C-alpha atoms as a PDB file:
ATOM      1  CA  MET A   1     -65.381   4.785 -55.766  1.00  0.00           C
ATOM      2  CA  LEU A   2     -67.787   2.183 -54.395  1.00  0.00           C
ATOM      3  CA  GLY A   3     -66.063  -0.501 -56.455  1.00  0.00           C
ATOM      4  CA  ILE A   4     -62.670   0.459 -55.021  1.00  0.00           C
ATOM      5  CA  PHE A   5     -64.027   0.279 -51.491  1.00  0.00           C
ATOM      6  CA  VAL A   6     -65.614  -3.138 -52.034  1.00  0.00           C
ATOM      7  CA  ASN A   7     -62.683  -4.696 -53.887  1.00  0.00           C
ATOM      8  CA  VAL A   8     -59.696  -3.138 -52.104  1.00  0.00           C
ATOM      9  CA  VAL A   9     -60.461  -1.602 -48.711  1.00  0.00           C
ATOM     10  CA  LEU A  10     -63.296  -3.829 -47.504  1.00  0.00           C
ATOM     11  CA  PRO A  11     -61.340  -7.124 -47.806  1.00  0.00           C
ATOM     12  CA  VAL A  12     -58.588  -5.651 -45.641  1.00  0.00           C
ATOM     13  CA  PHE A  13     -61.033  -4.823 -42.874  1.00  0.00           C
ATOM     14  CA  ILE A  14     -62.808  -8.157 -43.162  1.00  0.00           C
ATOM     15  CA  VAL A  15     -59.545  -9.962 -42.399  1.00  0.00           C
ATOM     16  CA  ALA A  16     -58.826  -7.500 -39.581  1.00  0.00           C
ATOM     17  CA  GLY A  17     -62.353  -8.218 -38.372  1.00  0.00           C
ATOM     18  CA  PHE A  18     -61.369 -11.834 -37.771  1.00  0.00           C
ATOM     19  CA  GLY A  19     -58.857 -10.493 -35.245  1.00  0.00           C
ATOM     20  CA  VAL A  20     -61.555  -8.376 -33.619  1.00  0.00           C
ATOM     21  CA  VAL A  21     -63.792 -11.425 -33.209  1.00  0.00           C
ATOM     22  CA  MET A  22     -61.009 -13.587 -31.785  1.00  0.00           C
ATOM     23  CA  GLU A  23     -59.958 -10.921 -29.294  1.00  0.00           C
ATOM     24  CA  ARG A  24     -63.499 -10.282 -28.068  1.00  0.00           C
ATOM     25  CA  ARG A  25     -64.699 -13.887 -28.105  1.00  0.00           C
ATOM     26  CA  TYR A  26     -61.630 -15.647 -26.713  1.00  0.00           C
ATOM     27  CA  ARG A  27     -59.613 -12.756 -25.212  1.00  0.00           C
ATOM     28  CA  MET A  28     -56.659 -13.925 -27.255  1.00  0.00           C
ATOM     29  CA  PRO A  29     -53.533 -11.895 -26.334  1.00  0.00           C
ATOM     30  CA  VAL A  30     -52.081  -9.849 -29.173  1.00  0.00           C
ATOM     31  CA  VAL A  31     -48.487  -9.738 -27.862  1.00  0.00           C
ATOM     32  CA  PRO A  32     -47.540 -13.297 -28.988  1.00  0.00           C
ATOM     33  CA  ILE A  33     -49.055 -12.631 -32.430  1.00  0.00           C
ATOM     34  CA  ASN A  34     -47.042  -9.421 -32.742  1.00  0.00           C
ATOM     35  CA  GLN A  35     -43.859 -11.229 -31.727  1.00  0.00           C
ATOM     36  CA  ILE A  36     -44.382 -13.943 -34.333  1.00  0.00           C
ATOM     37  CA  VAL A  37     -44.942 -11.305 -37.009  1.00  0.00           C
ATOM     38  CA  LEU A  38     -42.065  -9.072 -35.929  1.00  0.00           C
ATOM     39  CA  TYR A  39     -39.446 -11.725 -35.266  1.00  0.00           C
ATOM     40  CA  VAL A  40     -40.300 -14.392 -37.863  1.00  0.00           C
ATOM     41  CA  LEU A  41     -42.864 -13.660 -40.561  1.00  0.00           C
ATOM     42  CA  MET A  42     -42.005 -10.051 -41.424  1.00  0.00           C
ATOM     43  CA  PRO A  43     -38.226 -10.637 -41.777  1.00  0.00           C
ATOM     44  CA  CYS A  44     -38.919 -13.661 -44.012  1.00  0.00           C
ATOM     45  CA  PHE A  45     -41.389 -11.683 -46.129  1.00  0.00           C
ATOM     46  CA  ILE A  46     -39.059  -8.712 -46.593  1.00  0.00           C
ATOM     47  CA  PHE A  47     -36.075 -10.930 -47.401  1.00  0.00           C
ATOM     48  CA  THR A  48     -37.868 -12.869 -50.141  1.00  0.00           C
ATOM     49  CA  SER A  49     -39.604  -9.775 -51.533  1.00  0.00           C
ATOM     50  CA  LEU A  50     -36.451  -7.680 -51.788  1.00  0.00           C
ATOM     51  CA  LEU A  51     -34.656 -10.418 -53.709  1.00  0.00           C
ATOM     52  CA  THR A  52     -37.214 -10.079 -56.512  1.00  0.00           C
ATOM     53  CA  PHE A  53     -36.574  -6.331 -56.799  1.00  0.00           C
ATOM     54  CA  GLY A  54     -33.818  -4.906 -59.014  1.00  0.00           C
ATOM     55  CA  LEU A  55     -31.605  -3.691 -56.187  1.00  0.00           C
ATOM     56  CA  ARG A  56     -28.975  -2.395 -58.590  1.00  0.00           C
ATOM     57  CA  SER A  57     -31.393   0.032 -60.272  1.00  0.00           C
ATOM     58  CA  GLU A  58     -32.057   3.626 -59.269  1.00  0.00           C
ATOM     59  CA  GLU A  59     -35.693   2.999 -58.350  1.00  0.00           C
ATOM     60  CA  PRO A  60     -35.045   1.669 -54.811  1.00  0.00           C
ATOM     61  CA  LEU A  61     -33.004   4.806 -54.112  1.00  0.00           C
ATOM     62  CA  ARG A  62     -35.934   7.014 -55.137  1.00  0.00           C
ATOM     63  CA  VAL A  63     -38.272   5.016 -52.921  1.00  0.00           C
ATOM     64  CA  GLY A  64     -35.812   5.352 -50.037  1.00  0.00           C
ATOM     65  CA  ALA A  65     -35.500   9.092 -50.628  1.00  0.00           C
ATOM     66  CA  PHE A  66     -39.288   9.356 -50.628  1.00  0.00           C
ATOM     67  CA  ILE A  67     -39.798   7.753 -47.193  1.00  0.00           C
ATOM     68  CA  VAL A  68     -36.899   9.695 -45.666  1.00  0.00           C
ATOM     69  CA  LEU A  69     -38.215  13.024 -46.947  1.00  0.00           C
ATOM     70  CA  LEU A  70     -41.803  12.183 -46.018  1.00  0.00           C
ATOM     71  CA  THR A  71     -40.773  11.314 -42.476  1.00  0.00           C
ATOM     72  CA  PHE A  72     -38.750  14.470 -41.921  1.00  0.00           C
ATOM     73  CA  VAL A  73     -41.366  16.784 -43.453  1.00  0.00           C
ATOM     74  CA  MET A  74     -44.130  15.262 -41.318  1.00  0.00           C
ATOM     75  CA  LEU A  75     -41.935  15.514 -38.216  1.00  0.00           C
ATOM     76  CA  LEU A  76     -41.384  19.191 -38.982  1.00  0.00           C
ATOM     77  CA  VAL A  77     -45.098  19.823 -39.553  1.00  0.00           C
ATOM     78  CA  ALA A  78     -46.021  18.070 -36.300  1.00  0.00           C
ATOM     79  CA  ALA A  79     -43.344  19.960 -34.380  1.00  0.00           C
ATOM     80  CA  LEU A  80     -44.581  23.311 -35.717  1.00  0.00           C
ATOM     81  CA  VAL A  81     -48.166  22.432 -34.774  1.00  0.00           C
ATOM     82  CA  ALA A  82     -47.005  21.427 -31.289  1.00  0.00           C
ATOM     83  CA  VAL A  83     -45.180  24.745 -30.854  1.00  0.00           C
ATOM     84  CA  ALA A  84     -48.240  26.677 -32.024  1.00  0.00           C
ATOM     85  CA  LEU A  85     -50.434  24.804 -29.529  1.00  0.00           C
ATOM     86  CA  ARG A  86     -47.805  25.039 -26.768  1.00  0.00           C
ATOM     87  CA  LEU A  87     -47.808  21.305 -26.146  1.00  0.00           C
ATOM     88  CA  ASP A  88     -45.486  19.850 -23.537  1.00  0.00           C
ATOM     89  CA  ARG A  89     -42.453  17.757 -24.427  1.00  0.00           C
ATOM     90  CA  LYS A  90     -44.086  14.334 -24.022  1.00  0.00           C
ATOM     91  CA  THR A  91     -47.157  15.320 -26.030  1.00  0.00           C
ATOM     92  CA  THR A  92     -44.991  16.851 -28.755  1.00  0.00           C
ATOM     93  CA  SER A  93     -43.020  13.618 -29.010  1.00  0.00           C
ATOM     94  CA  ALA A  94     -46.245  11.587 -29.207  1.00  0.00           C
ATOM     95  CA  LEU A  95     -47.765  13.860 -31.876  1.00  0.00           C
ATOM     96  CA  MET A  96     -44.616  13.540 -33.974  1.00  0.00           C
ATOM     97  CA  LEU A  97     -44.841   9.753 -33.727  1.00  0.00           C
ATOM     98  CA  THR A  98     -48.463   9.663 -34.859  1.00  0.00           C
ATOM     99  CA  ALA A  99     -47.903  12.060 -37.769  1.00  0.00           C
ATOM    100  CA  ALA A 100     -44.638  10.837 -39.257  1.00  0.00           C
ATOM    101  CA  PHE A 101     -44.933   7.060 -39.358  1.00  0.00           C
ATOM    102  CA  PRO A 102     -47.642   5.552 -41.626  1.00  0.00           C
ATOM    103  CA  ASN A 103     -48.749   1.932 -41.427  1.00  0.00           C
ATOM    104  CA  LEU A 104     -46.895   0.528 -44.432  1.00  0.00           C
ATOM    105  CA  GLY A 105     -46.962  -3.033 -43.118  1.00  0.00           C
ATOM    106  CA  ASN A 106     -50.136  -4.871 -42.186  1.00  0.00           C
ATOM    107  CA  TYR A 107     -52.431  -2.273 -43.787  1.00  0.00           C
ATOM    108  CA  GLY A 108     -50.336  -0.695 -46.508  1.00  0.00           C
ATOM    109  CA  LEU A 109     -49.068  -3.906 -48.103  1.00  0.00           C
ATOM    110  CA  SER A 110     -52.556  -5.382 -48.198  1.00  0.00           C
ATOM    111  CA  VAL A 111     -54.051  -2.340 -49.908  1.00  0.00           C
ATOM    112  CA  VAL A 112     -51.358  -1.964 -52.570  1.00  0.00           C
ATOM    113  CA  LEU A 113     -51.484  -5.704 -53.311  1.00  0.00           C
ATOM    114  CA  LEU A 114     -55.241  -5.609 -53.893  1.00  0.00           C
ATOM    115  CA  ALA A 115     -55.118  -2.296 -55.765  1.00  0.00           C
ATOM    116  CA  TYR A 116     -51.996  -2.745 -57.930  1.00  0.00           C
ATOM    117  CA  GLY A 117     -51.161  -6.448 -57.860  1.00  0.00           C
ATOM    118  CA  GLN A 118     -47.652  -7.858 -57.586  1.00  0.00           C
ATOM    119  CA  ASP A 119     -46.046  -4.678 -58.966  1.00  0.00           C
ATOM    120  CA  GLY A 120     -47.696  -2.685 -56.198  1.00  0.00           C
ATOM    121  CA  LEU A 121     -46.585  -5.222 -53.617  1.00  0.00           C
ATOM    122  CA  ARG A 122     -42.967  -4.997 -54.807  1.00  0.00           C
ATOM    123  CA  TYR A 123     -42.897  -1.214 -54.413  1.00  0.00           C
ATOM    124  CA  GLY A 124     -44.759  -1.438 -51.114  1.00  0.00           C
ATOM    125  CA  THR A 125     -42.213  -3.917 -49.786  1.00  0.00           C
ATOM    126  CA  ILE A 126     -39.199  -1.783 -50.641  1.00  0.00           C
ATOM    127  CA  LEU A 127     -40.973   1.202 -49.060  1.00  0.00           C
ATOM    128  CA  LEU A 128     -41.620  -0.835 -45.917  1.00  0.00           C
ATOM    129  CA  ALA A 129     -38.021  -2.074 -45.821  1.00  0.00           C
ATOM    130  CA  PHE A 130     -36.685   1.482 -45.836  1.00  0.00           C
ATOM    131  CA  GLN A 131     -39.172   2.434 -43.144  1.00  0.00           C
ATOM    132  CA  MET A 132     -38.135  -0.479 -40.944  1.00  0.00           C
ATOM    133  CA  VAL A 133     -34.451   0.421 -41.237  1.00  0.00           C
ATOM    134  CA  PHE A 134     -34.750   4.197 -41.060  1.00  0.00           C
ATOM    135  CA  SER A 135     -38.060   5.234 -39.552  1.00  0.00           C
ATOM    136  CA  MET A 136     -38.245   2.689 -36.744  1.00  0.00           C
ATOM    137  CA  THR A 137     -34.773   3.754 -35.639  1.00  0.00           C
ATOM    138  CA  LEU A 138     -35.874   7.379 -35.645  1.00  0.00           C
ATOM    139  CA  ALA A 139     -39.142   6.518 -33.871  1.00  0.00           C
ATOM    140  CA  VAL A 140     -37.252   4.879 -31.018  1.00  0.00           C
ATOM    141  CA  PHE A 141     -35.033   7.937 -30.708  1.00  0.00           C
ATOM    142  CA  ILE A 142     -38.004  10.331 -30.660  1.00  0.00           C
ATOM    143  CA  ALA A 143     -40.008   8.319 -28.151  1.00  0.00           C
ATOM    144  CA  SER A 144     -37.044   7.722 -25.843  1.00  0.00           C
ATOM    145  CA  SER A 145     -35.759  11.285 -25.776  1.00  0.00           C
ATOM    146  CA  GLY A 146     -35.711  12.310 -22.153  1.00  0.00           C
ATOM    147  CA  HIS A 147     -36.640   8.809 -20.946  1.00  0.00           C
ATOM    148  CA  ALA A 148     -33.763   6.543 -21.950  1.00  0.00           C
ATOM    149  CA  SER A 149     -30.088   6.761 -22.841  1.00  0.00           C
ATOM    150  CA  LEU A 150     -28.971   6.782 -26.453  1.00  0.00           C
ATOM    151  CA  ARG A 151     -27.190   3.476 -25.844  1.00  0.00           C
ATOM    152  CA  ASP A 152     -30.385   1.836 -24.604  1.00  0.00           C
ATOM    153  CA  SER A 153     -32.286   3.138 -27.613  1.00  0.00           C
ATOM    154  CA  LEU A 154     -29.696   1.801 -30.040  1.00  0.00           C
ATOM    155  CA  VAL A 155     -29.691  -1.597 -28.341  1.00  0.00           C
ATOM    156  CA  GLN A 156     -33.444  -1.849 -28.863  1.00  0.00           C
ATOM    157  CA  VAL A 157     -33.043  -0.945 -32.531  1.00  0.00           C
ATOM    158  CA  ILE A 158     -30.280  -3.439 -33.366  1.00  0.00           C
ATOM    159  CA  ARG A 159     -32.344  -6.241 -31.842  1.00  0.00           C
ATOM    160  CA  GLN A 160     -34.908  -5.955 -34.627  1.00  0.00           C
ATOM    161  CA  PRO A 161     -34.591  -9.005 -36.964  1.00  0.00           C
ATOM    162  CA  VAL A 162     -35.914  -7.000 -39.921  1.00  0.00           C
ATOM    163  CA  LEU A 163     -32.617  -5.113 -40.064  1.00  0.00           C
ATOM    164  CA  TYR A 164     -30.737  -8.348 -40.612  1.00  0.00           C
ATOM    165  CA  ALA A 165     -33.278  -9.541 -43.180  1.00  0.00           C
ATOM    166  CA  VAL A 166     -32.690  -6.352 -45.195  1.00  0.00           C
ATOM    167  CA  ALA A 167     -28.913  -6.734 -44.848  1.00  0.00           C
ATOM    168  CA  ALA A 168     -29.069 -10.363 -46.016  1.00  0.00           C
ATOM    169  CA  ALA A 169     -31.260  -9.454 -48.995  1.00  0.00           C
ATOM    170  CA  LEU A 170     -28.829  -6.691 -49.986  1.00  0.00           C
ATOM    171  CA  PHE A 171     -25.905  -9.115 -49.722  1.00  0.00           C
ATOM    172  CA  PHE A 172     -27.439 -11.749 -51.980  1.00  0.00           C
ATOM    173  CA  GLY A 173     -29.005  -9.202 -54.330  1.00  0.00           C
ATOM    174  CA  LEU A 174     -25.877  -7.132 -54.886  1.00  0.00           C
ATOM    175  CA  THR A 175     -23.344  -9.996 -54.999  1.00  0.00           C
ATOM    176  CA  GLY A 176     -25.469 -12.212 -57.218  1.00  0.00           C
ATOM    177  CA  MET A 177     -24.996 -15.210 -54.951  1.00  0.00           C
ATOM    178  CA  ALA A 178     -27.827 -17.746 -54.969  1.00  0.00           C
ATOM    179  CA  VAL A 179     -29.758 -18.467 -51.796  1.00  0.00           C
ATOM    180  CA  PRO A 180     -29.707 -22.223 -51.046  1.00  0.00           C
ATOM    181  CA  ALA A 181     -32.908 -23.771 -52.399  1.00  0.00           C
ATOM    182  CA  PHE A 182     -34.004 -25.290 -49.090  1.00  0.00           C
ATOM    183  CA  ALA A 183     -33.498 -21.983 -47.250  1.00  0.00           C
ATOM    184  CA  ASN A 184     -35.287 -20.008 -49.945  1.00  0.00           C
ATOM    185  CA  ALA A 185     -38.266 -22.391 -49.818  1.00  0.00           C
ATOM    186  CA  ALA A 186     -38.505 -22.285 -46.009  1.00  0.00           C
ATOM    187  CA  VAL A 187     -38.199 -18.511 -45.775  1.00  0.00           C
ATOM    188  CA  GLY A 188     -40.655 -18.004 -48.638  1.00  0.00           C
ATOM    189  CA  LEU A 189     -43.212 -20.278 -47.007  1.00  0.00           C
ATOM    190  CA  ALA A 190     -43.050 -18.329 -43.745  1.00  0.00           C
ATOM    191  CA  GLY A 191     -43.162 -15.010 -45.566  1.00  0.00           C
ATOM    192  CA  GLN A 192     -46.458 -15.883 -47.259  1.00  0.00           C
ATOM    193  CA  ALA A 193     -48.172 -15.805 -43.862  1.00  0.00           C
ATOM    194  CA  ALA A 194     -46.930 -12.308 -42.998  1.00  0.00           C
ATOM    195  CA  VAL A 195     -49.633 -10.100 -44.560  1.00  0.00           C
ATOM    196  CA  PRO A 196     -52.735 -11.963 -43.272  1.00  0.00           C
ATOM    197  CA  MET A 197     -51.204 -12.372 -39.816  1.00  0.00           C
ATOM    198  CA  MET A 198     -50.391  -8.659 -39.663  1.00  0.00           C
ATOM    199  CA  LEU A 199     -53.987  -7.805 -40.525  1.00  0.00           C
ATOM    200  CA  PHE A 200     -55.206 -10.275 -37.916  1.00  0.00           C
ATOM    201  CA  ALA A 201     -53.027  -8.573 -35.277  1.00  0.00           C
ATOM    202  CA  LEU A 202     -54.267  -5.140 -36.378  1.00  0.00           C
ATOM    203  CA  GLY A 203     -57.860  -6.223 -35.765  1.00  0.00           C
ATOM    204  CA  MET A 204     -56.984  -7.518 -32.302  1.00  0.00           C
ATOM    205  CA  GLN A 205     -55.363  -4.195 -31.422  1.00  0.00           C
ATOM    206  CA  ILE A 206     -58.374  -2.222 -32.641  1.00  0.00           C
ATOM    207  CA  SER A 207     -60.682  -4.454 -30.599  1.00  0.00           C
ATOM    208  CA  GLY A 208     -58.665  -3.916 -27.431  1.00  0.00           C
ATOM    209  CA  SER A 209     -58.957  -0.139 -27.547  1.00  0.00           C
ATOM    210  CA  GLY A 210     -61.317   1.818 -25.314  1.00  0.00           C
ATOM    211  CA  ARG A 211     -62.741   5.310 -24.950  1.00  0.00           C
ATOM    212  CA  VAL A 212     -60.786   8.176 -26.537  1.00  0.00           C
ATOM    213  CA  GLU A 213     -58.969  10.094 -23.808  1.00  0.00           C
ATOM    214  CA  GLU A 214     -58.353  13.371 -25.684  1.00  0.00           C
ATOM    215  CA  PRO A 215     -60.754  13.688 -28.646  1.00  0.00           C
ATOM    216  CA  ARG A 216     -59.463  17.012 -30.006  1.00  0.00           C
ATOM    217  CA  LEU A 217     -55.810  16.031 -29.898  1.00  0.00           C
ATOM    218  CA  THR A 218     -56.618  12.653 -31.419  1.00  0.00           C
ATOM    219  CA  ALA A 219     -58.604  14.316 -34.209  1.00  0.00           C
ATOM    220  CA  LEU A 220     -55.636  16.581 -34.913  1.00  0.00           C
ATOM    221  CA  ALA A 221     -53.320  13.584 -35.142  1.00  0.00           C
ATOM    222  CA  VAL A 222     -55.740  11.824 -37.516  1.00  0.00           C
ATOM    223  CA  VAL A 223     -55.933  14.848 -39.842  1.00  0.00           C
ATOM    224  CA  LEU A 224     -52.152  15.261 -39.893  1.00  0.00           C
ATOM    225  CA  ARG A 225     -51.566  11.616 -40.735  1.00  0.00           C
ATOM    226  CA  LEU A 226     -54.349  10.988 -43.240  1.00  0.00           C
ATOM    227  CA  VAL A 227     -54.850  14.329 -44.986  1.00  0.00           C
ATOM    228  CA  VAL A 228     -51.613  16.283 -44.635  1.00  0.00           C
ATOM    229  CA  GLY A 229     -49.572  13.116 -45.100  1.00  0.00           C
ATOM    230  CA  ALA A 230     -51.333  12.279 -48.380  1.00  0.00           C
ATOM    231  CA  VAL A 231     -50.857  15.801 -49.774  1.00  0.00           C
ATOM    232  CA  ILE A 232     -47.172  15.892 -48.880  1.00  0.00           C
ATOM    233  CA  GLY A 233     -46.722  12.397 -50.259  1.00  0.00           C
ATOM    234  CA  ALA A 234     -48.170  13.448 -53.635  1.00  0.00           C
ATOM    235  CA  LEU A 235     -45.887  16.500 -53.795  1.00  0.00           C
ATOM    236  CA  LEU A 236     -42.795  14.456 -52.924  1.00  0.00           C
ATOM    237  CA  ALA A 237     -43.609  11.687 -55.406  1.00  0.00           C
ATOM    238  CA  ASP A 238     -43.868  14.241 -58.210  1.00  0.00           C
ATOM    239  CA  ALA A 239     -40.716  16.045 -57.086  1.00  0.00           C
ATOM    240  CA  LEU A 240     -38.752  12.773 -57.181  1.00  0.00           C
ATOM    241  CA  GLY A 241     -40.002  11.963 -60.665  1.00  0.00           C
ATOM    242  CA  LEU A 242     -41.907   8.822 -59.677  1.00  0.00           C
ATOM    243  CA  THR A 243     -44.482   7.669 -62.206  1.00  0.00           C
ATOM    244  CA  GLY A 244     -47.007   4.898 -62.798  1.00  0.00           C
ATOM    245  CA  VAL A 245     -47.494   2.249 -60.140  1.00  0.00           C
ATOM    246  CA  ALA A 246     -44.484   3.482 -58.154  1.00  0.00           C
ATOM    247  CA  ARG A 247     -46.027   6.962 -57.791  1.00  0.00           C
ATOM    248  CA  SER A 248     -49.420   5.564 -56.806  1.00  0.00           C
ATOM    249  CA  VAL A 249     -47.935   3.246 -54.181  1.00  0.00           C
ATOM    250  CA  MET A 250     -45.914   6.078 -52.649  1.00  0.00           C
ATOM    251  CA  ILE A 251     -48.976   8.327 -52.362  1.00  0.00           C
ATOM    252  CA  VAL A 252     -51.143   5.537 -50.952  1.00  0.00           C
ATOM    253  CA  GLY A 253     -48.365   4.753 -48.470  1.00  0.00           C
ATOM    254  CA  ALA A 254     -48.240   8.386 -47.381  1.00  0.00           C
ATOM    255  CA  ALA A 255     -52.017   8.296 -46.862  1.00  0.00           C
ATOM    256  CA  MET A 256     -51.919   5.303 -44.530  1.00  0.00           C
ATOM    257  CA  PRO A 257     -53.002   5.624 -40.861  1.00  0.00           C
ATOM    258  CA  THR A 258     -50.516   5.742 -38.008  1.00  0.00           C
ATOM    259  CA  ALA A 259     -48.280   2.684 -37.785  1.00  0.00           C
ATOM    260  CA  VAL A 260     -48.988   0.155 -35.056  1.00  0.00           C
ATOM    261  CA  PHE A 261     -45.339   0.066 -33.996  1.00  0.00           C
ATOM    262  CA  THR A 262     -45.677   3.635 -32.692  1.00  0.00           C
ATOM    263  CA  THR A 263     -47.908   2.323 -29.896  1.00  0.00           C
ATOM    264  CA  LEU A 264     -45.291  -0.222 -28.870  1.00  0.00           C
ATOM    265  CA  THR A 265     -42.559   2.418 -29.013  1.00  0.00           C
ATOM    266  CA  ALA A 266     -44.567   4.999 -27.070  1.00  0.00           C
ATOM    267  CA  THR A 267     -45.420   2.413 -24.406  1.00  0.00           C
ATOM    268  CA  ARG A 268     -41.819   1.313 -24.054  1.00  0.00           C
ATOM    269  CA  TYR A 269     -40.573   4.869 -23.475  1.00  0.00           C
ATOM    270  CA  GLY A 270     -43.568   6.518 -21.753  1.00  0.00           C
ATOM    271  CA  SER A 271     -44.375   8.908 -24.593  1.00  0.00           C
ATOM    272  CA  ARG A 272     -48.153   9.351 -24.069  1.00  0.00           C
ATOM    273  CA  PRO A 273     -48.983   5.739 -25.095  1.00  0.00           C
ATOM    274  CA  ARG A 274     -52.735   6.125 -24.554  1.00  0.00           C
ATOM    275  CA  PHE A 275     -52.921   9.081 -26.942  1.00  0.00           C
ATOM    276  CA  VAL A 276     -50.737   7.294 -29.518  1.00  0.00           C
ATOM    277  CA  THR A 277     -52.954   4.200 -29.299  1.00  0.00           C
ATOM    278  CA  ASP A 278     -56.086   6.309 -29.813  1.00  0.00           C
ATOM    279  CA  ALA A 279     -54.444   7.909 -32.865  1.00  0.00           C
ATOM    280  CA  VAL A 280     -53.589   4.484 -34.317  1.00  0.00           C
ATOM    281  CA  VAL A 281     -57.119   3.141 -33.830  1.00  0.00           C
ATOM    282  CA  TRP A 282     -59.056   6.167 -35.027  1.00  0.00           C
ATOM    283  CA  SER A 283     -56.791   6.979 -37.947  1.00  0.00           C
ATOM    284  CA  THR A 284     -57.209   3.343 -39.035  1.00  0.00           C
ATOM    285  CA  LEU A 285     -61.001   3.567 -38.833  1.00  0.00           C
ATOM    286  CA  ALA A 286     -61.130   6.988 -40.526  1.00  0.00           C
ATOM    287  CA  SER A 287     -58.870   5.703 -43.297  1.00  0.00           C
ATOM    288  CA  ILE A 288     -61.715   3.525 -44.570  1.00  0.00           C
ATOM    289  CA  ALA A 289     -63.021   6.726 -46.158  1.00  0.00           C
ATOM    290  CA  THR A 290     -59.782   8.604 -46.851  1.00  0.00           C
ATOM    291  CA  VAL A 291     -57.801   5.724 -48.368  1.00  0.00           C
ATOM    292  CA  THR A 292     -60.776   4.853 -50.581  1.00  0.00           C
ATOM    293  CA  ALA A 293     -60.854   8.492 -51.728  1.00  0.00           C
ATOM    294  CA  VAL A 294     -57.112   8.549 -52.446  1.00  0.00           C
ATOM    295  CA  LEU A 295     -57.324   5.319 -54.468  1.00  0.00           C
ATOM    296  CA  ALA A 296     -60.291   6.707 -56.395  1.00  0.00           C
ATOM    297  CA  LEU A 297     -58.493   9.951 -57.208  1.00  0.00           C
ATOM    298  CA  LEU A 298     -55.387   8.078 -58.353  1.00  0.00           C
ATOM    299  CA  SER A 299     -57.456   5.844 -60.606  1.00  0.00           C
ATOM    300  CA  GLY A 300     -59.665   8.649 -61.907  1.00  0.00           C
ATOM    301  CA  GLN A 301     -62.767   7.109 -60.321  1.00  0.00           C
ATOM    302  CA  ALA A 302     -63.746   9.868 -57.930  1.00  0.00           C
ATOM    303  CA  GLY A 303     -67.477   9.361 -58.473  1.00  0.00           C
ATOM    304  CA  LEU A 304     -69.751   7.396 -56.161  1.00  0.00           C
ATOM    305  CA  ILE A 305     -70.019   4.460 -58.548  1.00  0.00           C
END
């Protein structure tokens, strides 16, 4: 287990640590970094990565089914917990956001790349692509319920460049048309910067956090995302017949901390953004232990050494 931590999890947090240092030393704003990642680097990365995947096979459909089912099951679990605790509407919405949407981007891709190599990265990318198309749309709807019109929510969704990157990749992948060499080279070059820049931004966001406002509620959100999410992910992966690297990547993805985009969504629509931010930060920090444990269990190395 120690080897997995040193070789897989620790490098991720070292790179994120660079973002922490830059934010604290130079007070560098994270918003421009996020915009570069969201509007340029991530679409380029997803486009080039999806083109290398066999889009005509059944495997992408199983991966898509996995993230859809995982999202809905976690939303249901969070909603039932909220009802049991008699949480108000805004808090219920925020708890659902923190529980249902794992960080498959800046954190998840880095971990599966280091743990499973290029095969892991391919599966992680297709998982992220489905999340960006499906889950982000659903996240906007959940966060905006009661605060914005459906039209306004949809406008925000269709402005996301990742949607068009996925659509373009599907077009070229399914039709067999070749991407012009100069365009493929330019997009590929930009895409290579996506993962380290996402980790850098994650560190800056962790650094900018403050005191936890509601410790008990935050702890509940962390347990739902890291523990319950991993268990449900394992059950769904087996139910869908996923095996090998694909199964491992799905379970690791389900065990990821709360996605950073939930903070942006909660802030935009007034859905308890402070609580959501606390859940993102503390689930990320707690995942140092839980993600290491999940990787160790999947590899059969559950011992200390």
